[in-house]
Amino acid sequence: MKFEEVLPLIKEGKKALRTGWNGRGMFVVRQKGYPQGINCNKQTADAWDLNEGDLFIVHPYLQIKNSDGTHAMWVPSIGDIFAEDWQIVEK
């Protein structure tokens, strides 16, 4: 599957992966963010020079589960965009 085919499915809430990725168990999801805002915790407040409890608005973003079990915000590389080995993760 091409990236332009898988992206709408990710937006619908599906998990997607590339067979060309080296790590096992990796996949990408859409995080809905907090469009209405969420109260800042101390870590976020310190990072953004805000007060703990301030309203923090977060737009939707892509998140990846790495092979070591950690998670991170994710932006596709040129290789990911032009790859044709995308698949939907079946439950």
N, C-alpha and C. Protein backbone atom coordinates (compact mmCIF):
# COMPACT_ATOMS: atom_id res chain seq x y z
N MET A 1 0.84 -1.16 0.00
CA MET A 1 0.00 0.00 0.00
C MET A 1 0.90 1.24 0.00
N LYS A 2 0.48 2.29 -0.67
CA LYS A 2 1.21 3.55 -0.70
C LYS A 2 0.81 4.43 0.47
N PHE A 3 1.66 5.39 0.82
CA PHE A 3 1.39 6.28 1.95
C PHE A 3 0.09 7.03 1.75
N GLU A 4 -0.16 7.50 0.53
CA GLU A 4 -1.39 8.27 0.29
C GLU A 4 -2.64 7.41 0.42
N GLU A 5 -2.47 6.09 0.37
CA GLU A 5 -3.59 5.18 0.58
C GLU A 5 -3.79 4.87 2.07
N VAL A 6 -2.69 4.78 2.80
CA VAL A 6 -2.76 4.41 4.21
C VAL A 6 -3.10 5.61 5.11
N LEU A 7 -2.73 6.82 4.70
CA LEU A 7 -2.96 7.99 5.55
C LEU A 7 -4.43 8.18 5.92
N PRO A 8 -5.37 8.09 4.98
CA PRO A 8 -6.78 8.22 5.38
C PRO A 8 -7.21 7.16 6.40
N LEU A 9 -6.64 5.97 6.31
CA LEU A 9 -6.97 4.91 7.25
C LEU A 9 -6.40 5.21 8.64
N ILE A 10 -5.20 5.78 8.67
CA ILE A 10 -4.61 6.21 9.94
C ILE A 10 -5.49 7.29 10.57
N LYS A 11 -5.95 8.22 9.74
CA LYS A 11 -6.82 9.29 10.25
C LYS A 11 -8.13 8.73 10.82
N GLU A 12 -8.57 7.59 10.31
CA GLU A 12 -9.79 6.94 10.81
C GLU A 12 -9.55 6.17 12.10
N GLY A 13 -8.29 6.04 12.51
CA GLY A 13 -7.99 5.36 13.76
C GLY A 13 -7.29 4.02 13.60
N LYS A 14 -6.93 3.65 12.38
CA LYS A 14 -6.21 2.39 12.16
C LYS A 14 -4.73 2.57 12.51
N LYS A 15 -4.09 1.45 12.87
CA LYS A 15 -2.65 1.41 13.09
C LYS A 15 -2.00 0.97 11.80
N ALA A 16 -0.87 1.56 11.44
CA ALA A 16 -0.19 1.22 10.20
C ALA A 16 1.29 1.00 10.44
N LEU A 17 1.88 0.15 9.59
CA LEU A 17 3.31 -0.13 9.67
C LEU A 17 3.88 -0.29 8.27
N ARG A 18 5.19 -0.25 8.21
CA ARG A 18 5.90 -0.55 6.96
C ARG A 18 6.63 -1.86 7.14
N THR A 19 6.53 -2.73 6.16
CA THR A 19 7.26 -3.99 6.23
C THR A 19 8.76 -3.75 6.11
N GLY A 20 9.16 -2.61 5.57
CA GLY A 20 10.57 -2.28 5.41
C GLY A 20 11.24 -1.75 6.66
N TRP A 21 10.47 -1.49 7.70
CA TRP A 21 11.08 -1.03 8.95
C TRP A 21 11.86 -2.16 9.59
N ASN A 22 12.99 -1.82 10.18
CA ASN A 22 13.86 -2.83 10.78
C ASN A 22 13.34 -3.37 12.10
N GLY A 23 12.68 -2.54 12.88
CA GLY A 23 12.25 -2.95 14.21
C GLY A 23 10.94 -3.72 14.21
N ARG A 24 10.84 -4.69 15.10
CA ARG A 24 9.61 -5.47 15.25
C ARG A 24 8.65 -4.72 16.16
N GLY A 25 7.36 -4.85 15.86
CA GLY A 25 6.33 -4.26 16.72
C GLY A 25 6.11 -2.77 16.52
N MET A 26 6.75 -2.18 15.52
CA MET A 26 6.59 -0.75 15.28
C MET A 26 5.30 -0.49 14.50
N PHE A 27 4.63 0.61 14.85
CA PHE A 27 3.47 1.06 14.07
C PHE A 27 3.22 2.53 14.36
N VAL A 28 2.39 3.13 13.51
CA VAL A 28 2.05 4.55 13.61
C VAL A 28 0.55 4.67 13.85
N VAL A 29 0.17 5.63 14.69
CA VAL A 29 -1.24 5.94 14.94
C VAL A 29 -1.44 7.45 14.90
N ARG A 30 -2.68 7.84 14.76
CA ARG A 30 -3.05 9.25 14.89
C ARG A 30 -3.46 9.48 16.33
N GLN A 31 -2.85 10.47 16.94
CA GLN A 31 -3.28 10.91 18.26
C GLN A 31 -4.21 12.11 18.08
N LYS A 32 -5.33 12.09 18.75
CA LYS A 32 -6.33 13.14 18.58
C LYS A 32 -5.90 14.47 19.16
N GLY A 33 -4.91 14.45 20.03
CA GLY A 33 -4.47 15.68 20.67
C GLY A 33 -5.51 16.15 21.69
N TYR A 34 -5.43 17.42 22.02
CA TYR A 34 -6.36 18.04 22.97
C TYR A 34 -6.81 19.37 22.38
N PRO A 35 -7.69 19.34 21.35
CA PRO A 35 -8.09 20.58 20.68
C PRO A 35 -8.83 21.56 21.60
N GLN A 36 -9.46 21.05 22.67
CA GLN A 36 -10.13 21.93 23.63
C GLN A 36 -9.19 22.35 24.76
N GLY A 37 -8.01 21.74 24.76
CA GLY A 37 -7.00 22.05 25.76
C GLY A 37 -7.03 21.08 26.92
N ILE A 38 -5.92 21.01 27.60
CA ILE A 38 -5.75 20.18 28.79
C ILE A 38 -4.89 20.98 29.77
N ASN A 39 -5.08 20.75 31.04
CA ASN A 39 -4.27 21.47 32.02
C ASN A 39 -2.83 20.94 31.99
N CYS A 40 -1.89 21.85 31.95
CA CYS A 40 -0.46 21.49 31.92
C CYS A 40 -0.06 20.78 33.19
N ASN A 41 0.71 19.70 33.01
CA ASN A 41 1.38 19.12 34.17
C ASN A 41 2.70 19.88 34.36
N LYS A 42 3.42 19.57 35.41
CA LYS A 42 4.65 20.30 35.71
C LYS A 42 5.69 20.19 34.59
N GLN A 43 5.85 18.99 34.04
CA GLN A 43 6.84 18.79 32.98
C GLN A 43 6.54 19.66 31.76
N THR A 44 5.28 19.69 31.33
CA THR A 44 4.89 20.51 30.18
C THR A 44 5.03 21.99 30.50
N ALA A 45 4.60 22.39 31.67
CA ALA A 45 4.71 23.79 32.07
C ALA A 45 6.16 24.25 32.07
N ASP A 46 7.05 23.44 32.62
CA ASP A 46 8.47 23.80 32.64
C ASP A 46 9.05 23.89 31.24
N ALA A 47 8.66 22.97 30.36
CA ALA A 47 9.20 22.95 29.00
C ALA A 47 8.76 24.16 28.19
N TRP A 48 7.56 24.64 28.43
CA TRP A 48 6.99 25.73 27.62
C TRP A 48 6.92 27.06 28.37
N ASP A 49 7.55 27.13 29.54
CA ASP A 49 7.55 28.36 30.35
C ASP A 49 6.13 28.81 30.65
N LEU A 50 5.31 27.85 31.08
CA LEU A 50 3.94 28.11 31.48
C LEU A 50 3.79 27.81 32.96
N ASN A 51 2.62 28.05 33.47
CA ASN A 51 2.32 27.69 34.86
C ASN A 51 1.64 26.33 34.87
N GLU A 52 1.96 25.54 35.87
CA GLU A 52 1.28 24.26 36.03
C GLU A 52 -0.22 24.53 36.14
N GLY A 53 -1.01 23.80 35.36
CA GLY A 53 -2.46 23.99 35.35
C GLY A 53 -2.96 24.88 34.23
N ASP A 54 -2.04 25.64 33.56
CA ASP A 54 -2.46 26.46 32.42
C ASP A 54 -3.06 25.58 31.34
N LEU A 55 -3.97 26.13 30.56
CA LEU A 55 -4.57 25.39 29.45
C LEU A 55 -3.55 25.23 28.33
N PHE A 56 -3.38 24.00 27.87
CA PHE A 56 -2.41 23.67 26.84
C PHE A 56 -3.16 22.98 25.70
N ILE A 57 -3.21 23.62 24.54
CA ILE A 57 -3.94 23.09 23.39
C ILE A 57 -2.97 22.34 22.49
N VAL A 58 -3.34 21.11 22.15
CA VAL A 58 -2.50 20.26 21.31
C VAL A 58 -3.32 19.80 20.10
N HIS A 59 -2.82 20.08 18.91
CA HIS A 59 -3.47 19.64 17.67
C HIS A 59 -3.17 18.16 17.43
N PRO A 60 -3.96 17.50 16.60
CA PRO A 60 -3.69 16.09 16.29
C PRO A 60 -2.28 15.92 15.73
N TYR A 61 -1.72 14.73 15.97
CA TYR A 61 -0.37 14.43 15.49
C TYR A 61 -0.22 12.93 15.30
N LEU A 62 0.84 12.54 14.62
CA LEU A 62 1.15 11.12 14.44
C LEU A 62 2.11 10.68 15.53
N GLN A 63 1.92 9.46 16.00
CA GLN A 63 2.77 8.90 17.05
C GLN A 63 3.22 7.52 16.61
N ILE A 64 4.47 7.19 16.90
CA ILE A 64 5.02 5.88 16.53
C ILE A 64 5.32 5.09 17.81
N LYS A 65 5.06 3.80 17.73
CA LYS A 65 5.51 2.87 18.77
C LYS A 65 6.82 2.29 18.24
N ASN A 66 7.88 2.52 18.96
CA ASN A 66 9.21 2.04 18.57
C ASN A 66 9.39 0.57 18.95
N SER A 67 10.41 -0.04 18.39
CA SER A 67 10.67 -1.46 18.64
C SER A 67 11.01 -1.77 20.09
N ASP A 68 11.47 -0.75 20.84
CA ASP A 68 11.80 -0.97 22.26
C ASP A 68 10.61 -0.71 23.18
N GLY A 69 9.44 -0.45 22.59
CA GLY A 69 8.23 -0.24 23.37
C GLY A 69 7.94 1.20 23.74
N THR A 70 8.88 2.11 23.43
CA THR A 70 8.66 3.52 23.71
C THR A 70 7.81 4.15 22.61
N HIS A 71 7.32 5.35 22.86
CA HIS A 71 6.50 6.07 21.90
C HIS A 71 7.09 7.45 21.67
N ALA A 72 6.86 8.00 20.47
CA ALA A 72 7.35 9.33 20.15
C ALA A 72 6.45 9.96 19.09
N MET A 73 6.44 11.29 19.06
CA MET A 73 5.79 11.96 17.94
C MET A 73 6.54 11.54 16.69
N TRP A 74 5.83 11.50 15.55
CA TRP A 74 6.44 10.97 14.35
C TRP A 74 6.08 11.82 13.14
N VAL A 75 7.07 12.05 12.29
CA VAL A 75 6.89 12.71 11.00
C VAL A 75 7.48 11.77 9.96
N PRO A 76 6.72 11.46 8.90
CA PRO A 76 7.24 10.52 7.90
C PRO A 76 8.45 11.09 7.16
N SER A 77 9.40 10.22 6.86
CA SER A 77 10.55 10.60 6.06
C SER A 77 10.16 10.57 4.58
N ILE A 78 11.03 11.05 3.72
CA ILE A 78 10.80 10.96 2.28
C ILE A 78 10.64 9.49 1.89
N GLY A 79 11.48 8.63 2.47
CA GLY A 79 11.39 7.19 2.20
C GLY A 79 10.04 6.63 2.59
N ASP A 80 9.50 7.06 3.75
CA ASP A 80 8.19 6.60 4.19
C ASP A 80 7.08 7.07 3.24
N ILE A 81 7.18 8.31 2.78
CA ILE A 81 6.15 8.87 1.90
C ILE A 81 6.11 8.15 0.56
N PHE A 82 7.27 7.78 0.03
CA PHE A 82 7.31 7.14 -1.30
C PHE A 82 7.30 5.61 -1.24
N ALA A 83 7.33 5.05 -0.03
CA ALA A 83 7.32 3.58 0.11
C ALA A 83 5.96 3.01 -0.31
N GLU A 84 5.99 1.77 -0.76
CA GLU A 84 4.76 1.08 -1.16
C GLU A 84 4.57 -0.21 -0.35
N ASP A 85 5.18 -0.23 0.84
CA ASP A 85 5.09 -1.43 1.69
C ASP A 85 4.29 -1.18 2.96
N TRP A 86 3.39 -0.20 2.94
CA TRP A 86 2.55 0.09 4.08
C TRP A 86 1.47 -0.97 4.24
N GLN A 87 1.18 -1.28 5.49
CA GLN A 87 0.11 -2.24 5.81
C GLN A 87 -0.65 -1.74 7.03
N ILE A 88 -1.90 -2.15 7.11
CA ILE A 88 -2.71 -1.90 8.30
C ILE A 88 -2.44 -3.02 9.29
N VAL A 89 -2.28 -2.66 10.55
CA VAL A 89 -2.07 -3.65 11.61
C VAL A 89 -3.43 -4.29 11.90
N GLU A 90 -3.47 -5.59 11.73
CA GLU A 90 -4.70 -6.33 12.04
C GLU A 90 -4.66 -6.73 13.50
N LYS A 91 -5.77 -6.64 14.17
CA LYS A 91 -5.82 -6.96 15.60
C LYS A 91 -5.67 -8.41 15.87
